[in-house]
Amino acid sequence: MPRIQYFVAASLDGFIATPTDDLAWLLQFDGFDGGADSYNDFMAGVGCIVMGGETYAWLMEHEPGAWPYDGTPCYVFTHHEHRAPDGADITFVRGDVQEFTDDFRQAARGRNIWVVGGGKLAAQFADAGLLDEIILSVIPVVLGEGKRLLPMNGPTPPLELAASRTLGRGIVELRYLLHAAAGTES
């Protein structure tokens, strides 16, 4: 069964961005051994992307005129008006993630759904019991403060470690199944 996955990188102290959304600490690791293979393997299973408006705005600011997810349907949760790049399959939505889950699954056509970027959006999926898997690359940098990895309303039950591997330059990738997905390995 397709999964809703949070594929993300975070600092050793659990932040996905600085307080000002600076990712220079992460981008210095672009091109590290194993990173491209990990991403490409992951993307091969993705049929739909879901992201928050802040992540979308960051992409548009840092990659103007380019859409990195050509051919993959994308839903953007936002309270602001945005324009989609020409040719991009983007749907802008407002509301609770549960309202759109069937749409995501239909758009994914039997493949996985990737919750991109924002920890707040991923936390909404987790709080609703919809997040199946967290694929976390732990980056060997300490930020001290910033945007949290998964700012949930409360603690989760214990997660099941499904896999781990070293990717290079001190980066470790951890795959966790959330309680609802534990035992449904596909």
Foldseek 3Di string as FASTA:
>chain_A
DAFEEEEAEAEPVFARAAAVRDCPLPCVCPPFFQPVVVVVVQVVQFQEEEEEPVVVVVCCVVPPLDDPDQPHAYEYEYPDDDDDRPRHNYHYDYDQPVVCPVVRCVSSVPGYYYYDDAQDNVQSCVQVVRHFKYWYKHDHDDDPDRHGNHPHPDDADDWAFPDKDDRGPRIIITMTTGPVNPPVDD
